[in-house]
Amino acid sequence: MNGMNDPLSKPVYQRILAVVRQIPRGQVATYGQIAWIEGYCTPRMVGYALAGLPEGNDVPWQRVINSGGRISPRADGSGTMEQRHRLEEEGVRFDAEDRVDFDRFGWHGPDPTWLETNGFAVGAPYRHSKRKWK
């Protein structure tokens, strides 16, 4: 795709991808967390940005999961096993219910200096829900 027809060329998508690139190996973030940090988008927009990535890109898309601690399958059903494999290679572990423990593997967000340098608002750090599953 070229410039104006490529949704990933829009500033909001570039900002989403910049945030996702900050997630360290062995940690995960949620679609909602990325949207909260970006400040002007929704979790669904984060999903669209990641789903639209070309093969062989440098964005660690596998590190973004849903708020339930699970991998969200793509609309065509692909990618779930690849995402899990990539996360496990980074040391992320899943429980018997295929969930990731945010207390252990959750990312707390980018460094405030990075946020300020890159034009993001600096506020209170995002905290994952302390919800415990049954």
N, C-alpha and C. Protein backbone atom coordinates (compact mmCIF):
# COMPACT_ATOMS: atom_id res chain seq x y z
N MET A 1 0.85 -1.18 0.00
CA MET A 1 0.00 0.00 0.00
C MET A 1 0.88 1.23 0.00
N ASN A 2 0.34 2.31 -0.48
CA ASN A 2 1.11 3.54 -0.47
C ASN A 2 0.49 4.56 0.47
N GLY A 3 1.32 5.46 0.96
CA GLY A 3 0.97 6.57 1.82
C GLY A 3 -0.46 6.70 2.28
N MET A 4 -1.28 7.42 1.55
CA MET A 4 -2.63 7.77 2.00
C MET A 4 -3.57 6.57 2.11
N ASN A 5 -3.31 5.50 1.36
CA ASN A 5 -4.18 4.33 1.42
C ASN A 5 -3.75 3.34 2.49
N ASP A 6 -2.59 3.52 3.04
CA ASP A 6 -2.06 2.61 4.05
C ASP A 6 -2.44 3.10 5.44
N PRO A 7 -3.34 2.37 6.14
CA PRO A 7 -3.76 2.84 7.46
C PRO A 7 -2.60 2.94 8.45
N LEU A 8 -1.55 2.13 8.26
CA LEU A 8 -0.43 2.17 9.19
C LEU A 8 0.42 3.43 9.02
N SER A 9 0.14 4.22 7.98
CA SER A 9 0.88 5.48 7.80
C SER A 9 0.25 6.61 8.61
N LYS A 10 -0.93 6.39 9.18
CA LYS A 10 -1.60 7.42 9.98
C LYS A 10 -0.86 7.62 11.30
N PRO A 11 -0.75 8.86 11.75
CA PRO A 11 0.01 9.14 12.99
C PRO A 11 -0.41 8.29 14.19
N VAL A 12 -1.69 8.05 14.38
CA VAL A 12 -2.11 7.27 15.54
C VAL A 12 -1.53 5.86 15.48
N TYR A 13 -1.50 5.27 14.30
CA TYR A 13 -0.94 3.92 14.19
C TYR A 13 0.57 3.94 14.42
N GLN A 14 1.24 4.96 13.95
CA GLN A 14 2.68 5.08 14.19
C GLN A 14 2.96 5.21 15.68
N ARG A 15 2.11 5.94 16.39
CA ARG A 15 2.27 6.09 17.84
C ARG A 15 2.02 4.76 18.55
N ILE A 16 1.01 4.03 18.12
CA ILE A 16 0.73 2.72 18.71
C ILE A 16 1.95 1.81 18.55
N LEU A 17 2.48 1.75 17.34
CA LEU A 17 3.62 0.87 17.07
C LEU A 17 4.86 1.31 17.85
N ALA A 18 5.03 2.62 18.02
CA ALA A 18 6.16 3.11 18.82
C ALA A 18 6.06 2.63 20.25
N VAL A 19 4.86 2.63 20.82
CA VAL A 19 4.66 2.15 22.19
C VAL A 19 4.92 0.65 22.26
N VAL A 20 4.37 -0.11 21.33
CA VAL A 20 4.55 -1.57 21.35
C VAL A 20 6.03 -1.93 21.25
N ARG A 21 6.79 -1.16 20.49
CA ARG A 21 8.24 -1.43 20.38
C ARG A 21 8.95 -1.28 21.73
N GLN A 22 8.35 -0.63 22.70
CA GLN A 22 8.97 -0.43 24.01
C GLN A 22 8.77 -1.61 24.96
N ILE A 23 7.86 -2.52 24.64
CA ILE A 23 7.59 -3.65 25.54
C ILE A 23 8.81 -4.57 25.55
N PRO A 24 9.41 -4.79 26.70
CA PRO A 24 10.61 -5.63 26.75
C PRO A 24 10.31 -7.11 26.51
N ARG A 25 11.30 -7.79 26.03
CA ARG A 25 11.26 -9.23 25.85
C ARG A 25 10.87 -9.86 27.19
N GLY A 26 9.98 -10.85 27.16
CA GLY A 26 9.57 -11.55 28.38
C GLY A 26 8.47 -10.87 29.16
N GLN A 27 7.91 -9.76 28.61
CA GLN A 27 6.80 -9.07 29.26
C GLN A 27 5.67 -8.90 28.27
N VAL A 28 4.46 -8.69 28.80
CA VAL A 28 3.29 -8.48 27.96
C VAL A 28 2.54 -7.23 28.38
N ALA A 29 1.78 -6.69 27.44
CA ALA A 29 0.90 -5.55 27.70
C ALA A 29 -0.46 -5.91 27.11
N THR A 30 -1.47 -5.16 27.48
CA THR A 30 -2.81 -5.39 26.92
C THR A 30 -3.11 -4.36 25.85
N TYR A 31 -4.09 -4.68 25.01
CA TYR A 31 -4.55 -3.73 24.00
C TYR A 31 -5.00 -2.45 24.67
N GLY A 32 -5.70 -2.58 25.79
CA GLY A 32 -6.18 -1.41 26.53
C GLY A 32 -5.04 -0.59 27.11
N GLN A 33 -4.01 -1.24 27.58
CA GLN A 33 -2.86 -0.54 28.14
C GLN A 33 -2.18 0.29 27.05
N ILE A 34 -1.99 -0.30 25.88
CA ILE A 34 -1.35 0.42 24.77
C ILE A 34 -2.21 1.61 24.38
N ALA A 35 -3.52 1.42 24.31
CA ALA A 35 -4.44 2.52 23.97
C ALA A 35 -4.36 3.62 25.02
N TRP A 36 -4.29 3.25 26.28
CA TRP A 36 -4.21 4.22 27.38
C TRP A 36 -2.94 5.05 27.28
N ILE A 37 -1.81 4.38 26.97
CA ILE A 37 -0.55 5.09 26.83
C ILE A 37 -0.56 6.00 25.61
N GLU A 38 -1.10 5.50 24.49
CA GLU A 38 -1.15 6.30 23.26
C GLU A 38 -2.02 7.53 23.48
N GLY A 39 -3.13 7.35 24.18
CA GLY A 39 -3.94 8.47 24.61
C GLY A 39 -5.08 8.89 23.71
N TYR A 40 -5.08 8.50 22.46
CA TYR A 40 -6.11 8.97 21.52
C TYR A 40 -6.72 7.84 20.71
N CYS A 41 -6.65 6.63 21.20
CA CYS A 41 -7.19 5.51 20.42
C CYS A 41 -7.91 4.54 21.35
N THR A 42 -8.48 3.52 20.76
CA THR A 42 -9.18 2.48 21.50
C THR A 42 -8.37 1.18 21.44
N PRO A 43 -8.66 0.23 22.33
CA PRO A 43 -7.99 -1.06 22.25
C PRO A 43 -8.20 -1.72 20.88
N ARG A 44 -9.37 -1.55 20.31
CA ARG A 44 -9.64 -2.14 18.99
C ARG A 44 -8.69 -1.56 17.93
N MET A 45 -8.41 -0.27 18.02
CA MET A 45 -7.48 0.35 17.08
C MET A 45 -6.08 -0.25 17.23
N VAL A 46 -5.70 -0.56 18.45
CA VAL A 46 -4.41 -1.21 18.68
C VAL A 46 -4.40 -2.56 17.96
N GLY A 47 -5.49 -3.30 18.10
CA GLY A 47 -5.59 -4.59 17.40
C GLY A 47 -5.50 -4.43 15.89
N TYR A 48 -6.17 -3.43 15.34
CA TYR A 48 -6.10 -3.17 13.90
C TYR A 48 -4.67 -2.86 13.48
N ALA A 49 -3.99 -2.03 14.26
CA ALA A 49 -2.61 -1.66 13.92
C ALA A 49 -1.72 -2.90 13.88
N LEU A 50 -1.87 -3.77 14.86
CA LEU A 50 -1.02 -4.96 14.91
C LEU A 50 -1.40 -5.97 13.84
N ALA A 51 -2.69 -6.11 13.57
CA ALA A 51 -3.13 -7.05 12.54
C ALA A 51 -2.68 -6.63 11.15
N GLY A 52 -2.47 -5.32 10.95
CA GLY A 52 -2.08 -4.82 9.64
C GLY A 52 -0.58 -4.83 9.38
N LEU A 53 0.19 -5.33 10.32
CA LEU A 53 1.64 -5.33 10.14
C LEU A 53 2.06 -6.30 9.04
N PRO A 54 3.02 -5.91 8.23
CA PRO A 54 3.52 -6.82 7.20
C PRO A 54 4.42 -7.90 7.82
N GLU A 55 4.59 -9.00 7.11
CA GLU A 55 5.50 -10.06 7.55
C GLU A 55 6.90 -9.49 7.72
N GLY A 56 7.62 -9.99 8.69
CA GLY A 56 9.02 -9.62 8.86
C GLY A 56 9.26 -8.23 9.43
N ASN A 57 8.26 -7.64 10.05
CA ASN A 57 8.41 -6.30 10.65
C ASN A 57 9.18 -6.40 11.96
N ASP A 58 9.56 -5.24 12.51
CA ASP A 58 10.34 -5.21 13.75
C ASP A 58 9.50 -4.93 14.99
N VAL A 59 8.20 -5.00 14.87
CA VAL A 59 7.31 -4.71 16.00
C VAL A 59 7.02 -6.01 16.76
N PRO A 60 7.28 -6.04 18.08
CA PRO A 60 7.03 -7.26 18.85
C PRO A 60 5.54 -7.44 19.17
N TRP A 61 4.74 -7.62 18.15
CA TRP A 61 3.28 -7.73 18.25
C TRP A 61 2.84 -8.83 19.20
N GLN A 62 3.65 -9.88 19.32
CA GLN A 62 3.27 -11.02 20.15
C GLN A 62 3.15 -10.64 21.61
N ARG A 63 3.71 -9.51 22.01
CA ARG A 63 3.71 -9.10 23.42
C ARG A 63 2.43 -8.38 23.84
N VAL A 64 1.47 -8.26 22.93
CA VAL A 64 0.20 -7.61 23.26
C VAL A 64 -0.89 -8.67 23.31
N ILE A 65 -1.55 -8.78 24.47
CA ILE A 65 -2.59 -9.78 24.67
C ILE A 65 -3.83 -9.09 25.23
N ASN A 66 -4.89 -9.86 25.42
CA ASN A 66 -6.12 -9.23 25.91
C ASN A 66 -6.11 -9.06 27.43
N SER A 67 -7.08 -8.33 27.93
CA SER A 67 -7.11 -7.99 29.37
C SER A 67 -7.40 -9.20 30.25
N GLY A 68 -7.83 -10.29 29.66
CA GLY A 68 -8.03 -11.52 30.41
C GLY A 68 -6.77 -12.34 30.53
N GLY A 69 -5.67 -11.81 29.98
CA GLY A 69 -4.40 -12.53 30.04
C GLY A 69 -4.25 -13.57 28.96
N ARG A 70 -5.11 -13.53 27.98
CA ARG A 70 -5.10 -14.53 26.91
C ARG A 70 -4.71 -13.92 25.57
N ILE A 71 -4.33 -14.80 24.68
CA ILE A 71 -4.08 -14.40 23.30
C ILE A 71 -5.42 -14.27 22.60
N SER A 72 -5.62 -13.18 21.88
CA SER A 72 -6.85 -12.99 21.11
C SER A 72 -6.63 -13.50 19.69
N PRO A 73 -7.42 -14.48 19.27
CA PRO A 73 -7.23 -14.99 17.91
C PRO A 73 -7.61 -13.93 16.87
N ARG A 74 -6.93 -13.96 15.75
CA ARG A 74 -7.26 -13.05 14.66
C ARG A 74 -8.58 -13.48 14.05
N ALA A 75 -9.16 -12.59 13.27
CA ALA A 75 -10.46 -12.86 12.65
C ALA A 75 -10.43 -14.14 11.82
N ASP A 76 -9.31 -14.42 11.17
CA ASP A 76 -9.22 -15.63 10.35
C ASP A 76 -8.77 -16.84 11.16
N GLY A 77 -8.59 -16.66 12.48
CA GLY A 77 -8.23 -17.76 13.35
C GLY A 77 -6.74 -18.08 13.37
N SER A 78 -5.95 -17.36 12.61
CA SER A 78 -4.52 -17.66 12.54
C SER A 78 -3.74 -16.92 13.61
N GLY A 79 -2.51 -17.33 13.79
CA GLY A 79 -1.58 -16.60 14.63
C GLY A 79 -1.53 -16.96 16.09
N THR A 80 -2.54 -17.61 16.63
CA THR A 80 -2.57 -17.88 18.07
C THR A 80 -1.39 -18.74 18.51
N MET A 81 -1.16 -19.84 17.81
CA MET A 81 -0.06 -20.72 18.20
C MET A 81 1.30 -20.07 17.97
N GLU A 82 1.42 -19.29 16.89
CA GLU A 82 2.67 -18.59 16.63
C GLU A 82 2.94 -17.58 17.74
N GLN A 83 1.92 -16.85 18.15
CA GLN A 83 2.08 -15.85 19.20
C GLN A 83 2.49 -16.53 20.51
N ARG A 84 1.81 -17.61 20.84
CA ARG A 84 2.14 -18.32 22.07
C ARG A 84 3.57 -18.83 22.03
N HIS A 85 3.96 -19.41 20.90
CA HIS A 85 5.33 -19.94 20.75
C HIS A 85 6.36 -18.83 20.93
N ARG A 86 6.13 -17.68 20.30
CA ARG A 86 7.06 -16.55 20.43
C ARG A 86 7.16 -16.09 21.89
N LEU A 87 6.02 -15.99 22.57
CA LEU A 87 6.04 -15.56 23.97
C LEU A 87 6.78 -16.58 24.84
N GLU A 88 6.51 -17.85 24.63
CA GLU A 88 7.18 -18.88 25.43
C GLU A 88 8.68 -18.87 25.17
N GLU A 89 9.10 -18.60 23.94
CA GLU A 89 10.53 -18.48 23.65
C GLU A 89 11.17 -17.33 24.43
N GLU A 90 10.38 -16.31 24.76
CA GLU A 90 10.86 -15.16 25.53
C GLU A 90 10.78 -15.40 27.03
N GLY A 91 10.26 -16.55 27.43
CA GLY A 91 10.17 -16.87 28.85
C GLY A 91 8.82 -16.61 29.49
N VAL A 92 7.84 -16.14 28.72
CA VAL A 92 6.49 -15.92 29.24
C VAL A 92 5.82 -17.27 29.40
N ARG A 93 5.18 -17.46 30.54
CA ARG A 93 4.51 -18.74 30.82
C ARG A 93 3.00 -18.55 30.88
N PHE A 94 2.30 -19.61 30.49
CA PHE A 94 0.84 -19.65 30.50
C PHE A 94 0.40 -20.64 31.56
N ASP A 95 -0.73 -20.36 32.22
CA ASP A 95 -1.26 -21.30 33.21
C ASP A 95 -2.10 -22.36 32.50
N ALA A 96 -2.74 -23.21 33.29
CA ALA A 96 -3.53 -24.31 32.74
C ALA A 96 -4.74 -23.81 31.94
N GLU A 97 -5.13 -22.56 32.17
CA GLU A 97 -6.27 -21.96 31.46
C GLU A 97 -5.80 -21.08 30.29
N ASP A 98 -4.53 -21.23 29.90
CA ASP A 98 -3.95 -20.47 28.78
C ASP A 98 -3.89 -18.97 29.04
N ARG A 99 -3.68 -18.60 30.31
CA ARG A 99 -3.57 -17.18 30.67
C ARG A 99 -2.15 -16.86 31.14
N VAL A 100 -1.80 -15.59 30.95
CA VAL A 100 -0.52 -15.07 31.42
C VAL A 100 -0.78 -14.31 32.72
N ASP A 101 0.07 -14.48 33.69
CA ASP A 101 -0.03 -13.80 34.97
C ASP A 101 0.57 -12.39 34.83
N PHE A 102 -0.28 -11.36 34.89
CA PHE A 102 0.20 -9.99 34.76
C PHE A 102 1.11 -9.57 35.91
N ASP A 103 0.90 -10.14 37.09
CA ASP A 103 1.78 -9.79 38.21
C ASP A 103 3.22 -10.22 37.92
N ARG A 104 3.36 -11.30 37.20
CA ARG A 104 4.69 -11.84 36.90
C ARG A 104 5.26 -11.32 35.58
N PHE A 105 4.41 -11.20 34.55
CA PHE A 105 4.90 -10.89 33.21
C PHE A 105 4.37 -9.56 32.65
N GLY A 106 3.54 -8.87 33.41
CA GLY A 106 2.95 -7.62 32.92
C GLY A 106 3.95 -6.47 32.87
N TRP A 107 3.88 -5.73 31.79
CA TRP A 107 4.73 -4.55 31.59
C TRP A 107 4.09 -3.36 32.28
N HIS A 108 4.87 -2.52 32.94
CA HIS A 108 4.34 -1.35 33.63
C HIS A 108 4.38 -0.09 32.79
N GLY A 109 4.76 -0.21 31.55
CA GLY A 109 4.77 0.94 30.64
C GLY A 109 6.15 1.50 30.41
N PRO A 110 6.24 2.40 29.44
CA PRO A 110 7.54 2.97 29.11
C PRO A 110 8.06 3.92 30.18
N ASP A 111 9.34 4.15 30.12
CA ASP A 111 9.99 5.10 31.00
C ASP A 111 9.39 6.49 30.77
N PRO A 112 9.12 7.25 31.84
CA PRO A 112 8.55 8.59 31.67
C PRO A 112 9.39 9.50 30.76
N THR A 113 10.70 9.34 30.79
CA THR A 113 11.56 10.15 29.92
C THR A 113 11.28 9.83 28.46
N TRP A 114 11.11 8.54 28.14
CA TRP A 114 10.78 8.15 26.76
C TRP A 114 9.44 8.76 26.36
N LEU A 115 8.46 8.68 27.25
CA LEU A 115 7.14 9.25 26.96
C LEU A 115 7.26 10.73 26.62
N GLU A 116 7.93 11.47 27.48
CA GLU A 116 8.05 12.92 27.27
C GLU A 116 8.83 13.24 26.00
N THR A 117 9.92 12.55 25.77
CA THR A 117 10.75 12.78 24.59
C THR A 117 9.97 12.51 23.30
N ASN A 118 9.04 11.56 23.35
CA ASN A 118 8.31 11.16 22.16
C ASN A 118 6.91 11.76 22.05
N GLY A 119 6.62 12.75 22.88
CA GLY A 119 5.37 13.49 22.77
C GLY A 119 4.15 12.84 23.37
N PHE A 120 4.35 11.91 24.30
CA PHE A 120 3.23 11.27 24.99
C PHE A 120 3.03 11.95 26.33
N ALA A 121 1.82 11.91 26.84
CA ALA A 121 1.54 12.47 28.16
C ALA A 121 2.20 11.60 29.22
N VAL A 122 2.73 12.24 30.23
CA VAL A 122 3.34 11.51 31.34
C VAL A 122 2.36 11.59 32.50
N GLY A 123 1.86 10.44 32.91
CA GLY A 123 0.91 10.40 34.01
C GLY A 123 1.18 9.23 34.92
N ALA A 124 0.17 8.88 35.67
CA ALA A 124 0.30 7.73 36.56
C ALA A 124 0.49 6.47 35.74
N PRO A 125 1.34 5.55 36.20
CA PRO A 125 1.55 4.31 35.45
C PRO A 125 0.28 3.48 35.37
N TYR A 126 0.15 2.77 34.29
CA TYR A 126 -0.99 1.87 34.08
C TYR A 126 -0.81 0.67 35.00
N ARG A 127 -1.88 0.25 35.61
CA ARG A 127 -1.85 -0.95 36.46
C ARG A 127 -2.85 -1.96 35.94
N HIS A 128 -2.35 -3.18 35.80
CA HIS A 128 -3.24 -4.26 35.37
C HIS A 128 -4.22 -4.59 36.49
N SER A 129 -5.37 -5.05 36.11
CA SER A 129 -6.37 -5.44 37.08
C SER A 129 -5.82 -6.53 37.98
N LYS A 130 -6.19 -6.49 39.22
CA LYS A 130 -5.78 -7.52 40.18
C LYS A 130 -6.80 -8.66 40.21
N ARG A 131 -7.66 -8.70 39.20
CA ARG A 131 -8.70 -9.72 39.13
C ARG A 131 -8.07 -11.12 39.16
N LYS A 132 -8.63 -11.96 39.94
CA LYS A 132 -8.17 -13.35 40.02
C LYS A 132 -9.24 -14.24 39.38
N TRP A 133 -8.79 -15.13 38.53
CA TRP A 133 -9.72 -16.01 37.84
C TRP A 133 -10.01 -17.23 38.67
N LYS A 134 -11.17 -17.77 38.46
CA LYS A 134 -11.55 -18.99 39.20
C LYS A 134 -11.33 -20.21 38.36
